[in-house]
């Protein structure tokens, strides 16, 4: 479990195919504190398992499903990624409950500055937009954000100056893919109400 508060921007060392699988190695510092092989880390909001460690980098394996569902296949050497360690049992929830289970990708449509803040519009598929509501939570590349507006094919949010300096999103260009994880509460509510309606039809 994560909270969507990025601890560090890591630098991609390599993304390589080995023996039919894919390995991603990222250079980092902060998130390596206390890290062990087998621990989880969120990379652009994707929960992955550390398979190798050095003093300044870590390696994770990427499954075909992870590559299909996320934007990690877009990474290249020297690219940047958002990193977060799992939430400690006694830690503060600065964002919201983030599972690290990416639902799909969206596409950045526009950036629009307003003062020192930045408006961002992201296009998303209907199956994701159904769970995105104004003033609700959304995780974009592992960052916990508050939705401002929702349109038929997109949604918007605003980044304050501090957030812009500590995540990768403002460095991306229009047309870039971003990982999206919707608020899990919406999916649970939908499932529960569906079961209630089904039970009512049976009676």
N, C-alpha and C. Protein backbone atom coordinates (compact mmCIF):
# COMPACT_ATOMS: atom_id res chain seq x y z
N UNK A 1 0.84 -1.19 0.00
CA UNK A 1 0.00 0.00 0.00
C UNK A 1 0.88 1.25 0.00
N UNK A 2 0.49 2.23 -0.80
CA UNK A 2 1.23 3.48 -0.91
C UNK A 2 0.27 4.65 -0.65
N UNK A 3 0.80 5.87 -0.69
CA UNK A 3 -0.06 7.04 -0.47
C UNK A 3 -0.03 8.04 -1.62
N UNK A 4 0.82 7.80 -2.63
CA UNK A 4 0.88 8.72 -3.76
C UNK A 4 1.70 9.96 -3.48
N UNK A 5 2.56 9.92 -2.46
CA UNK A 5 3.47 11.03 -2.17
C UNK A 5 4.86 10.61 -2.63
N UNK A 6 5.32 11.17 -3.72
CA UNK A 6 6.59 10.78 -4.32
C UNK A 6 7.74 11.16 -3.39
N UNK A 7 8.63 10.20 -3.14
CA UNK A 7 9.78 10.46 -2.27
C UNK A 7 11.01 10.92 -3.04
N UNK A 8 11.09 10.49 -4.29
CA UNK A 8 12.32 10.74 -5.03
C UNK A 8 12.07 10.52 -6.52
N UNK A 9 12.78 11.28 -7.34
CA UNK A 9 12.79 11.03 -8.78
C UNK A 9 14.01 10.19 -9.10
N UNK A 10 13.79 8.98 -9.62
CA UNK A 10 14.89 8.10 -9.98
C UNK A 10 15.27 8.25 -11.43
N UNK A 11 16.46 7.78 -11.77
CA UNK A 11 16.97 7.86 -13.13
C UNK A 11 17.11 6.45 -13.71
N UNK A 12 16.51 6.23 -14.86
CA UNK A 12 16.54 4.90 -15.47
C UNK A 12 17.95 4.59 -15.97
N UNK A 13 18.48 3.48 -15.47
CA UNK A 13 19.79 3.03 -15.93
C UNK A 13 19.64 2.15 -17.16
N UNK A 14 18.66 1.24 -17.13
CA UNK A 14 18.47 0.37 -18.29
C UNK A 14 17.11 -0.31 -18.22
N UNK A 15 16.57 -0.64 -19.38
CA UNK A 15 15.39 -1.49 -19.53
C UNK A 15 15.77 -2.51 -20.59
N UNK A 16 15.90 -3.76 -20.16
CA UNK A 16 16.45 -4.75 -21.08
C UNK A 16 15.66 -6.05 -21.03
N UNK A 17 15.65 -6.74 -22.16
CA UNK A 17 14.99 -8.03 -22.27
C UNK A 17 16.04 -9.12 -22.09
N UNK A 18 15.78 -10.01 -21.14
CA UNK A 18 16.72 -11.08 -20.84
C UNK A 18 15.94 -12.39 -20.67
N UNK A 19 16.23 -13.35 -21.53
CA UNK A 19 15.61 -14.66 -21.41
C UNK A 19 14.10 -14.64 -21.48
N UNK A 20 13.56 -13.79 -22.31
CA UNK A 20 12.11 -13.72 -22.46
C UNK A 20 11.42 -12.83 -21.45
N UNK A 21 12.17 -12.28 -20.48
CA UNK A 21 11.61 -11.36 -19.50
C UNK A 21 12.27 -10.00 -19.62
N UNK A 22 11.74 -9.05 -18.86
CA UNK A 22 12.27 -7.69 -18.91
C UNK A 22 12.74 -7.27 -17.53
N UNK A 23 13.90 -6.61 -17.48
CA UNK A 23 14.46 -6.09 -16.24
C UNK A 23 14.62 -4.59 -16.35
N UNK A 24 14.20 -3.88 -15.29
CA UNK A 24 14.33 -2.43 -15.23
C UNK A 24 15.25 -2.09 -14.07
N UNK A 25 16.31 -1.36 -14.36
CA UNK A 25 17.24 -0.92 -13.32
C UNK A 25 17.18 0.60 -13.20
N UNK A 26 17.02 1.07 -11.96
CA UNK A 26 16.84 2.49 -11.69
C UNK A 26 17.86 2.96 -10.66
N UNK A 27 18.50 4.08 -10.93
CA UNK A 27 19.41 4.69 -9.97
C UNK A 27 18.61 5.53 -8.99
N UNK A 28 18.91 5.41 -7.71
CA UNK A 28 18.16 6.12 -6.68
C UNK A 28 19.01 6.25 -5.43
N UNK A 29 18.50 7.00 -4.45
CA UNK A 29 19.20 7.17 -3.18
C UNK A 29 18.23 7.00 -2.01
N UNK A 30 17.26 7.91 -1.92
CA UNK A 30 16.37 7.94 -0.76
C UNK A 30 15.63 6.63 -0.55
N UNK A 31 15.02 6.09 -1.61
CA UNK A 31 14.18 4.89 -1.45
C UNK A 31 15.00 3.64 -1.18
N UNK A 32 16.33 3.72 -1.30
CA UNK A 32 17.16 2.57 -1.02
C UNK A 32 17.47 2.44 0.47
N UNK A 33 17.10 3.46 1.24
CA UNK A 33 17.33 3.40 2.68
C UNK A 33 16.56 2.25 3.31
N UNK A 34 17.27 1.25 3.82
CA UNK A 34 16.63 0.10 4.44
C UNK A 34 16.06 -0.90 3.47
N UNK A 35 16.26 -0.69 2.17
CA UNK A 35 15.68 -1.59 1.16
C UNK A 35 16.38 -2.94 1.16
N UNK A 36 15.60 -3.99 0.89
CA UNK A 36 16.12 -5.35 0.79
C UNK A 36 15.54 -6.02 -0.45
N UNK A 37 16.23 -7.01 -0.95
CA UNK A 37 15.70 -7.80 -2.05
C UNK A 37 14.38 -8.44 -1.60
N UNK A 38 13.36 -8.34 -2.44
CA UNK A 38 12.03 -8.84 -2.11
C UNK A 38 11.08 -7.77 -1.65
N UNK A 39 11.61 -6.58 -1.33
CA UNK A 39 10.75 -5.46 -0.94
C UNK A 39 10.00 -4.90 -2.15
N UNK A 40 8.91 -4.19 -1.87
CA UNK A 40 8.14 -3.53 -2.93
C UNK A 40 8.54 -2.07 -3.04
N UNK A 41 8.46 -1.56 -4.24
CA UNK A 41 8.64 -0.13 -4.52
C UNK A 41 7.64 0.27 -5.60
N UNK A 42 7.13 1.48 -5.53
CA UNK A 42 6.25 1.99 -6.58
C UNK A 42 7.09 2.79 -7.57
N UNK A 43 7.05 2.38 -8.83
CA UNK A 43 7.74 3.08 -9.90
C UNK A 43 6.67 3.64 -10.84
N UNK A 44 6.56 4.96 -10.91
CA UNK A 44 5.46 5.59 -11.66
C UNK A 44 4.11 5.01 -11.25
N UNK A 45 3.99 4.72 -9.95
CA UNK A 45 2.72 4.22 -9.43
C UNK A 45 2.49 2.74 -9.60
N UNK A 46 3.50 2.01 -10.09
CA UNK A 46 3.37 0.57 -10.31
C UNK A 46 4.12 -0.17 -9.21
N UNK A 47 3.42 -0.99 -8.45
CA UNK A 47 4.05 -1.75 -7.37
C UNK A 47 4.87 -2.89 -7.96
N UNK A 48 6.18 -2.88 -7.69
CA UNK A 48 7.09 -3.88 -8.23
C UNK A 48 8.02 -4.40 -7.14
N UNK A 49 8.60 -5.56 -7.38
CA UNK A 49 9.44 -6.23 -6.38
C UNK A 49 10.91 -6.09 -6.73
N UNK A 50 11.71 -5.67 -5.74
CA UNK A 50 13.15 -5.54 -5.94
C UNK A 50 13.78 -6.92 -6.07
N UNK A 51 14.52 -7.13 -7.16
CA UNK A 51 15.19 -8.41 -7.39
C UNK A 51 16.70 -8.32 -7.24
N UNK A 52 17.25 -7.10 -7.28
CA UNK A 52 18.69 -6.91 -7.12
C UNK A 52 18.94 -5.50 -6.60
N UNK A 53 20.04 -5.36 -5.84
CA UNK A 53 20.37 -4.07 -5.23
C UNK A 53 21.86 -3.79 -5.34
N UNK A 54 22.20 -2.51 -5.55
CA UNK A 54 23.57 -2.04 -5.37
C UNK A 54 23.49 -0.85 -4.42
N UNK A 55 24.60 -0.19 -4.20
CA UNK A 55 24.59 0.95 -3.28
C UNK A 55 23.82 2.14 -3.83
N UNK A 56 23.63 2.19 -5.15
CA UNK A 56 22.93 3.35 -5.72
C UNK A 56 21.91 2.99 -6.79
N UNK A 57 21.47 1.72 -6.82
CA UNK A 57 20.46 1.34 -7.81
C UNK A 57 19.72 0.09 -7.36
N UNK A 58 18.61 -0.17 -8.02
CA UNK A 58 17.86 -1.39 -7.77
C UNK A 58 17.29 -1.89 -9.09
N UNK A 59 16.95 -3.17 -9.12
CA UNK A 59 16.41 -3.80 -10.32
C UNK A 59 15.10 -4.48 -9.99
N UNK A 60 14.14 -4.39 -10.91
CA UNK A 60 12.85 -5.07 -10.78
C UNK A 60 12.55 -5.82 -12.07
N UNK A 61 11.76 -6.87 -11.96
CA UNK A 61 11.31 -7.60 -13.14
C UNK A 61 9.95 -7.09 -13.57
N UNK A 62 9.71 -7.08 -14.88
CA UNK A 62 8.45 -6.61 -15.44
C UNK A 62 7.75 -7.74 -16.18
N UNK A 63 6.53 -8.04 -15.77
CA UNK A 63 5.77 -9.10 -16.43
C UNK A 63 5.10 -8.56 -17.69
N UNK A 64 4.69 -9.45 -18.61
CA UNK A 64 3.96 -8.99 -19.80
C UNK A 64 2.72 -8.16 -19.45
N UNK A 65 2.00 -8.56 -18.39
CA UNK A 65 0.81 -7.80 -17.98
C UNK A 65 1.18 -6.40 -17.53
N UNK A 66 2.28 -6.27 -16.79
CA UNK A 66 2.73 -4.95 -16.35
C UNK A 66 3.08 -4.08 -17.55
N UNK A 67 3.75 -4.64 -18.53
CA UNK A 67 4.13 -3.87 -19.72
C UNK A 67 2.90 -3.46 -20.52
N UNK A 68 1.89 -4.32 -20.57
CA UNK A 68 0.66 -3.98 -21.31
C UNK A 68 -0.14 -2.90 -20.59
N UNK A 69 -0.17 -2.96 -19.27
CA UNK A 69 -1.08 -2.12 -18.49
C UNK A 69 -0.51 -0.75 -18.17
N UNK A 70 0.82 -0.61 -18.20
CA UNK A 70 1.47 0.62 -17.74
C UNK A 70 2.26 1.30 -18.86
N UNK A 71 2.89 2.41 -18.49
CA UNK A 71 3.74 3.12 -19.44
C UNK A 71 5.22 2.77 -19.28
N UNK A 72 5.52 1.73 -18.49
CA UNK A 72 6.92 1.41 -18.23
C UNK A 72 7.67 0.96 -19.47
N UNK A 73 6.96 0.43 -20.46
CA UNK A 73 7.64 0.03 -21.70
C UNK A 73 8.12 1.25 -22.49
N UNK A 74 7.63 2.44 -22.15
CA UNK A 74 8.07 3.66 -22.82
C UNK A 74 9.40 4.18 -22.30
N UNK A 75 9.86 3.64 -21.16
CA UNK A 75 11.06 4.16 -20.52
C UNK A 75 12.30 3.90 -21.35
N UNK A 76 13.23 4.83 -21.25
CA UNK A 76 14.52 4.71 -21.92
C UNK A 76 15.62 5.09 -20.93
N UNK A 77 16.85 4.70 -21.22
CA UNK A 77 17.98 5.05 -20.37
C UNK A 77 18.04 6.56 -20.18
N UNK A 78 18.31 6.97 -18.94
CA UNK A 78 18.39 8.39 -18.52
C UNK A 78 17.02 9.03 -18.35
N UNK A 79 15.94 8.27 -18.58
CA UNK A 79 14.61 8.80 -18.29
C UNK A 79 14.37 8.87 -16.79
N UNK A 80 13.34 9.60 -16.41
CA UNK A 80 13.04 9.81 -15.00
C UNK A 80 11.77 9.08 -14.60
N UNK A 81 11.73 8.61 -13.34
CA UNK A 81 10.55 7.93 -12.82
C UNK A 81 10.28 8.41 -11.39
N UNK A 82 9.00 8.42 -11.02
CA UNK A 82 8.60 8.73 -9.65
C UNK A 82 8.75 7.48 -8.79
N UNK A 83 9.31 7.65 -7.59
CA UNK A 83 9.55 6.52 -6.70
C UNK A 83 8.92 6.76 -5.33
N UNK A 84 8.35 5.69 -4.78
CA UNK A 84 7.79 5.75 -3.42
C UNK A 84 7.92 4.39 -2.76
N UNK A 85 8.34 4.39 -1.49
CA UNK A 85 8.35 3.16 -0.71
C UNK A 85 6.96 2.89 -0.15
N UNK A 86 6.67 1.63 0.21
CA UNK A 86 5.35 1.32 0.79
C UNK A 86 5.12 2.09 2.09
N UNK A 87 3.85 2.29 2.39
CA UNK A 87 3.46 2.99 3.62
C UNK A 87 3.79 2.13 4.83
N UNK A 88 4.51 2.70 5.80
CA UNK A 88 4.77 2.00 7.05
C UNK A 88 3.51 1.97 7.90
N UNK A 89 3.38 0.95 8.74
CA UNK A 89 2.17 0.79 9.54
C UNK A 89 1.92 1.99 10.45
N UNK A 90 2.99 2.67 10.85
CA UNK A 90 2.83 3.84 11.72
C UNK A 90 3.02 5.15 10.97
N UNK A 91 2.96 5.07 9.63
CA UNK A 91 3.19 6.27 8.82
C UNK A 91 1.94 7.10 8.61
N UNK A 92 2.14 8.32 8.15
CA UNK A 92 1.05 9.23 7.85
C UNK A 92 0.58 9.02 6.42
N UNK A 93 -0.71 9.13 6.21
CA UNK A 93 -1.27 9.02 4.87
C UNK A 93 -1.39 10.44 4.31
N UNK A 94 -0.35 10.88 3.62
CA UNK A 94 -0.34 12.24 3.11
C UNK A 94 -1.20 12.42 1.87
N UNK A 95 -1.43 11.34 1.13
CA UNK A 95 -2.25 11.42 -0.08
C UNK A 95 -3.54 10.66 0.11
N UNK A 96 -3.64 9.47 -0.52
CA UNK A 96 -4.78 8.59 -0.30
C UNK A 96 -4.29 7.14 -0.45
N UNK A 97 -5.15 6.19 -0.17
CA UNK A 97 -4.74 4.79 -0.29
C UNK A 97 -4.50 4.44 -1.75
N UNK A 98 -3.26 4.15 -2.08
CA UNK A 98 -2.85 3.80 -3.44
C UNK A 98 -2.32 2.37 -3.40
N UNK A 99 -2.87 1.50 -4.22
CA UNK A 99 -2.46 0.11 -4.21
C UNK A 99 -1.19 -0.16 -5.02
N UNK A 100 -0.93 0.69 -6.00
CA UNK A 100 0.17 0.40 -6.91
C UNK A 100 -0.25 -0.55 -8.01
N UNK A 101 -1.58 -0.73 -8.16
CA UNK A 101 -2.14 -1.59 -9.21
C UNK A 101 -2.70 -0.68 -10.30
N UNK A 102 -1.92 -0.41 -11.31
CA UNK A 102 -2.31 0.53 -12.36
C UNK A 102 -3.49 -0.03 -13.14
N UNK A 103 -4.53 0.81 -13.31
CA UNK A 103 -5.73 0.39 -14.05
C UNK A 103 -5.57 0.52 -15.55
N UNK A 104 -4.72 1.44 -15.97
CA UNK A 104 -4.51 1.68 -17.40
C UNK A 104 -3.73 2.96 -17.58
N UNK A 105 -3.54 3.35 -18.82
CA UNK A 105 -2.80 4.58 -19.09
C UNK A 105 -3.72 5.64 -19.69
N UNK A 106 -3.34 6.90 -19.47
CA UNK A 106 -3.99 8.03 -20.10
C UNK A 106 -2.96 8.77 -20.94
N UNK A 107 -3.41 9.78 -21.63
CA UNK A 107 -2.52 10.58 -22.49
C UNK A 107 -2.63 12.05 -22.09
N UNK A 108 -1.49 12.67 -21.84
CA UNK A 108 -1.47 14.09 -21.51
C UNK A 108 -1.88 14.90 -22.74
N UNK A 109 -2.93 15.69 -22.58
CA UNK A 109 -3.39 16.52 -23.70
C UNK A 109 -2.77 17.92 -23.66
N UNK A 110 -2.88 18.58 -22.51
CA UNK A 110 -2.40 19.96 -22.43
C UNK A 110 -1.81 20.28 -21.07
N UNK A 111 -0.90 21.26 -21.07
CA UNK A 111 -0.41 21.92 -19.86
C UNK A 111 -0.77 23.39 -19.99
N UNK A 112 -1.29 23.96 -18.91
CA UNK A 112 -1.67 25.37 -18.96
C UNK A 112 -1.32 26.03 -17.64
N UNK A 113 -0.32 26.95 -17.64
CA UNK A 113 0.06 27.61 -16.39
C UNK A 113 -0.98 28.64 -15.94
N UNK A 114 -1.15 28.74 -14.64
CA UNK A 114 -1.95 29.80 -14.03
C UNK A 114 -1.22 30.25 -12.77
N UNK A 115 -0.60 31.43 -12.84
CA UNK A 115 0.28 31.85 -11.76
C UNK A 115 1.45 30.88 -11.68
N UNK A 116 1.78 30.43 -10.48
CA UNK A 116 2.87 29.45 -10.35
C UNK A 116 2.35 28.02 -10.34
N UNK A 117 1.06 27.83 -10.59
CA UNK A 117 0.48 26.50 -10.66
C UNK A 117 0.35 26.06 -12.12
N UNK A 118 0.05 24.78 -12.31
CA UNK A 118 -0.02 24.23 -13.66
C UNK A 118 -1.25 23.36 -13.81
N UNK A 119 -2.14 23.73 -14.75
CA UNK A 119 -3.29 22.90 -15.09
C UNK A 119 -2.84 21.79 -16.03
N UNK A 120 -3.33 20.59 -15.79
CA UNK A 120 -3.00 19.46 -16.66
C UNK A 120 -4.30 18.78 -17.07
N UNK A 121 -4.44 18.50 -18.36
CA UNK A 121 -5.59 17.75 -18.86
C UNK A 121 -5.11 16.42 -19.40
N UNK A 122 -5.77 15.34 -18.96
CA UNK A 122 -5.39 13.98 -19.36
C UNK A 122 -6.58 13.28 -19.98
N UNK A 123 -6.35 12.70 -21.14
CA UNK A 123 -7.37 11.89 -21.81
C UNK A 123 -7.37 10.48 -21.21
N UNK A 124 -8.55 9.93 -20.96
CA UNK A 124 -8.65 8.59 -20.39
C UNK A 124 -9.79 7.83 -21.04
N UNK A 125 -9.70 6.52 -20.99
CA UNK A 125 -10.72 5.66 -21.58
C UNK A 125 -11.99 5.69 -20.75
N UNK A 126 -13.16 5.45 -21.38
CA UNK A 126 -14.44 5.47 -20.65
C UNK A 126 -14.46 4.54 -19.45
N UNK A 127 -13.82 3.37 -19.54
CA UNK A 127 -13.85 2.43 -18.43
C UNK A 127 -13.09 2.94 -17.20
N UNK A 128 -12.24 3.94 -17.39
CA UNK A 128 -11.58 4.58 -16.26
C UNK A 128 -12.31 5.84 -15.83
N UNK A 129 -12.79 6.61 -16.79
CA UNK A 129 -13.48 7.87 -16.47
C UNK A 129 -14.73 7.64 -15.62
N UNK A 130 -15.32 6.46 -15.71
CA UNK A 130 -16.53 6.19 -14.93
C UNK A 130 -16.25 6.25 -13.43
N UNK A 131 -14.97 6.05 -13.04
CA UNK A 131 -14.61 6.09 -11.62
C UNK A 131 -13.99 7.41 -11.19
N UNK A 132 -13.85 8.35 -12.12
CA UNK A 132 -13.19 9.63 -11.83
C UNK A 132 -14.25 10.71 -11.63
N UNK A 133 -14.21 11.36 -10.47
CA UNK A 133 -15.23 12.35 -10.13
C UNK A 133 -14.56 13.65 -9.69
N UNK A 134 -15.21 14.80 -9.91
CA UNK A 134 -14.66 16.07 -9.43
C UNK A 134 -14.42 16.04 -7.93
N UNK A 135 -13.27 16.53 -7.52
CA UNK A 135 -12.83 16.57 -6.12
C UNK A 135 -12.53 15.19 -5.56
N UNK A 136 -12.52 14.18 -6.41
CA UNK A 136 -12.12 12.84 -5.99
C UNK A 136 -10.63 12.64 -6.20
N UNK A 137 -10.15 11.49 -5.76
CA UNK A 137 -8.74 11.18 -5.90
C UNK A 137 -8.45 10.49 -7.23
N UNK A 138 -7.24 10.74 -7.74
CA UNK A 138 -6.72 10.01 -8.89
C UNK A 138 -5.21 9.89 -8.69
N UNK A 139 -4.64 8.78 -9.11
CA UNK A 139 -3.19 8.62 -9.06
C UNK A 139 -2.65 8.66 -10.47
N UNK A 140 -1.77 9.62 -10.74
CA UNK A 140 -1.19 9.81 -12.07
C UNK A 140 0.32 9.60 -11.96
N UNK A 141 0.82 8.56 -12.60
CA UNK A 141 2.24 8.21 -12.49
C UNK A 141 2.69 8.12 -11.03
N UNK A 142 1.80 7.60 -10.19
CA UNK A 142 2.14 7.41 -8.79
C UNK A 142 1.94 8.60 -7.89
N UNK A 143 1.38 9.69 -8.42
CA UNK A 143 1.17 10.91 -7.65
C UNK A 143 -0.30 11.04 -7.26
N UNK A 144 -0.57 11.17 -5.97
CA UNK A 144 -1.93 11.38 -5.50
C UNK A 144 -2.37 12.80 -5.81
N UNK A 145 -3.47 12.93 -6.58
CA UNK A 145 -3.93 14.24 -7.03
C UNK A 145 -5.44 14.36 -6.85
N UNK A 146 -5.90 15.60 -6.78
CA UNK A 146 -7.33 15.87 -6.67
C UNK A 146 -7.88 16.28 -8.03
N UNK A 147 -8.89 15.57 -8.49
CA UNK A 147 -9.52 15.89 -9.77
C UNK A 147 -10.27 17.21 -9.66
N UNK A 148 -10.16 18.06 -10.66
CA UNK A 148 -10.90 19.33 -10.68
C UNK A 148 -12.16 19.19 -11.54
N UNK A 149 -11.97 18.84 -12.80
CA UNK A 149 -13.12 18.71 -13.71
C UNK A 149 -13.05 17.37 -14.44
N UNK A 150 -14.24 16.86 -14.81
CA UNK A 150 -14.31 15.63 -15.59
C UNK A 150 -15.15 15.90 -16.83
N UNK A 151 -14.63 15.52 -17.99
CA UNK A 151 -15.31 15.72 -19.26
C UNK A 151 -15.58 14.34 -19.88
N UNK A 152 -16.32 14.28 -20.99
CA UNK A 152 -16.63 12.98 -21.60
C UNK A 152 -15.42 12.13 -21.95
N UNK A 153 -14.28 12.76 -22.25
CA UNK A 153 -13.11 11.99 -22.66
C UNK A 153 -11.83 12.34 -21.90
N UNK A 154 -11.95 13.20 -20.88
CA UNK A 154 -10.74 13.64 -20.18
C UNK A 154 -11.07 14.17 -18.79
N UNK A 155 -10.03 14.48 -18.04
CA UNK A 155 -10.19 15.11 -16.73
C UNK A 155 -9.03 16.06 -16.51
N UNK A 156 -9.19 16.97 -15.54
CA UNK A 156 -8.15 17.95 -15.26
C UNK A 156 -7.77 17.93 -13.78
N UNK A 157 -6.57 18.39 -13.52
CA UNK A 157 -6.11 18.61 -12.15
C UNK A 157 -5.08 19.72 -12.18
N UNK A 158 -4.71 20.22 -11.01
CA UNK A 158 -3.76 21.33 -10.93
C UNK A 158 -2.59 20.94 -10.05
N UNK A 159 -1.39 21.30 -10.48
CA UNK A 159 -0.18 21.05 -9.73
C UNK A 159 0.34 22.35 -9.13
N UNK A 160 0.50 22.39 -7.82
CA UNK A 160 1.10 23.57 -7.19
C UNK A 160 2.59 23.56 -7.46
N UNK A 161 3.25 24.68 -7.20
CA UNK A 161 4.66 24.83 -7.55
C UNK A 161 5.52 23.77 -6.88
N UNK A 162 5.31 23.48 -5.61
CA UNK A 162 6.13 22.50 -4.90
C UNK A 162 6.04 21.13 -5.57
N UNK A 163 4.82 20.72 -5.89
CA UNK A 163 4.63 19.41 -6.52
C UNK A 163 5.32 19.36 -7.87
N UNK A 164 5.25 20.44 -8.62
CA UNK A 164 5.90 20.47 -9.93
C UNK A 164 7.40 20.19 -9.84
N UNK A 165 8.01 20.64 -8.74
CA UNK A 165 9.46 20.49 -8.58
C UNK A 165 9.87 19.08 -8.14
N UNK A 166 8.91 18.27 -7.70
CA UNK A 166 9.26 16.99 -7.08
C UNK A 166 8.66 15.77 -7.78
N UNK A 167 8.10 15.96 -8.97
CA UNK A 167 7.57 14.84 -9.75
C UNK A 167 8.01 14.99 -11.21
N UNK A 168 7.80 13.94 -11.98
CA UNK A 168 8.26 13.96 -13.37
C UNK A 168 7.27 14.59 -14.35
N UNK A 169 6.00 14.66 -13.98
CA UNK A 169 4.96 15.04 -14.94
C UNK A 169 5.21 16.36 -15.66
N UNK A 170 5.59 17.45 -14.99
CA UNK A 170 5.80 18.71 -15.72
C UNK A 170 6.90 18.64 -16.76
N UNK A 171 7.76 17.63 -16.69
CA UNK A 171 8.84 17.49 -17.66
C UNK A 171 8.40 16.72 -18.90
N UNK A 172 7.21 16.14 -18.84
CA UNK A 172 6.69 15.40 -19.98
C UNK A 172 6.12 16.36 -21.02
N UNK A 173 5.85 15.84 -22.20
CA UNK A 173 5.28 16.64 -23.28
C UNK A 173 3.86 16.16 -23.58
N UNK A 174 3.09 16.99 -24.24
CA UNK A 174 1.76 16.58 -24.68
C UNK A 174 1.88 15.32 -25.54
N UNK A 175 0.99 14.38 -25.32
CA UNK A 175 1.04 13.11 -26.03
C UNK A 175 1.71 12.00 -25.24
N UNK A 176 2.33 12.35 -24.11
CA UNK A 176 2.97 11.34 -23.27
C UNK A 176 1.93 10.47 -22.57
N UNK A 177 2.25 9.19 -22.40
CA UNK A 177 1.38 8.30 -21.64
C UNK A 177 1.69 8.41 -20.15
N UNK A 178 0.64 8.33 -19.34
CA UNK A 178 0.81 8.34 -17.89
C UNK A 178 0.01 7.19 -17.30
N UNK A 179 0.51 6.62 -16.20
CA UNK A 179 -0.19 5.55 -15.50
C UNK A 179 -1.32 6.12 -14.66
N UNK A 180 -2.47 5.47 -14.69
CA UNK A 180 -3.63 5.92 -13.92
C UNK A 180 -4.11 4.80 -13.00
N UNK A 181 -4.31 5.14 -11.74
CA UNK A 181 -4.99 4.24 -10.80
C UNK A 181 -6.14 5.00 -10.19
N UNK A 182 -7.35 4.53 -10.42
CA UNK A 182 -8.53 5.20 -9.88
C UNK A 182 -8.70 4.83 -8.41
N UNK A 183 -9.51 5.59 -7.71
CA UNK A 183 -9.76 5.33 -6.29
C UNK A 183 -10.48 3.99 -6.14
N UNK A 184 -9.89 3.09 -5.38
CA UNK A 184 -10.43 1.75 -5.22
C UNK A 184 -11.83 1.76 -4.62
N UNK A 185 -12.17 2.81 -3.84
CA UNK A 185 -13.49 2.86 -3.21
C UNK A 185 -14.61 2.86 -4.24
N UNK A 186 -14.39 3.55 -5.37
CA UNK A 186 -15.41 3.59 -6.41
C UNK A 186 -15.71 2.22 -6.97
N UNK A 187 -14.67 1.41 -7.15
CA UNK A 187 -14.86 0.07 -7.70
C UNK A 187 -15.58 -0.84 -6.71
N UNK A 188 -15.25 -0.70 -5.43
CA UNK A 188 -15.94 -1.50 -4.41
C UNK A 188 -17.42 -1.14 -4.34
N UNK A 189 -17.71 0.17 -4.38
CA UNK A 189 -19.11 0.62 -4.31
C UNK A 189 -19.89 0.09 -5.51
N UNK A 190 -19.30 0.17 -6.70
CA UNK A 190 -19.96 -0.31 -7.90
C UNK A 190 -20.26 -1.81 -7.79
N UNK A 191 -19.29 -2.59 -7.32
CA UNK A 191 -19.49 -4.03 -7.18
C UNK A 191 -20.59 -4.33 -6.16
N UNK A 192 -20.58 -3.63 -5.03
CA UNK A 192 -21.58 -3.86 -3.99
C UNK A 192 -22.98 -3.53 -4.50
N UNK A 193 -23.12 -2.38 -5.17
CA UNK A 193 -24.44 -1.99 -5.67
C UNK A 193 -24.92 -2.95 -6.75
N UNK A 194 -23.99 -3.45 -7.56
CA UNK A 194 -24.37 -4.43 -8.57
C UNK A 194 -24.91 -5.70 -7.95
N UNK A 195 -24.29 -6.15 -6.86
CA UNK A 195 -24.76 -7.35 -6.18
C UNK A 195 -26.12 -7.11 -5.52
N UNK A 196 -26.32 -5.89 -4.98
CA UNK A 196 -27.59 -5.56 -4.37
C UNK A 196 -28.70 -5.58 -5.41
N UNK A 197 -28.43 -4.98 -6.58
CA UNK A 197 -29.44 -4.96 -7.65
C UNK A 197 -29.74 -6.36 -8.15
N UNK A 198 -28.69 -7.19 -8.27
CA UNK A 198 -28.88 -8.57 -8.71
C UNK A 198 -29.72 -9.35 -7.72
N UNK A 199 -29.44 -9.16 -6.43
CA UNK A 199 -30.24 -9.85 -5.40
C UNK A 199 -31.69 -9.40 -5.41
N UNK A 200 -31.90 -8.09 -5.67
CA UNK A 200 -33.28 -7.56 -5.69
C UNK A 200 -34.06 -8.16 -6.86
N UNK A 201 -33.39 -8.37 -7.99
CA UNK A 201 -34.07 -8.95 -9.15
C UNK A 201 -34.44 -10.40 -8.91
N UNK A 202 -33.64 -11.08 -8.07
CA UNK A 202 -33.89 -12.48 -7.80
C UNK A 202 -35.07 -12.68 -6.84
N UNK A 203 -35.44 -11.63 -6.07
CA UNK A 203 -36.50 -11.76 -5.06
C UNK A 203 -37.85 -11.28 -5.56
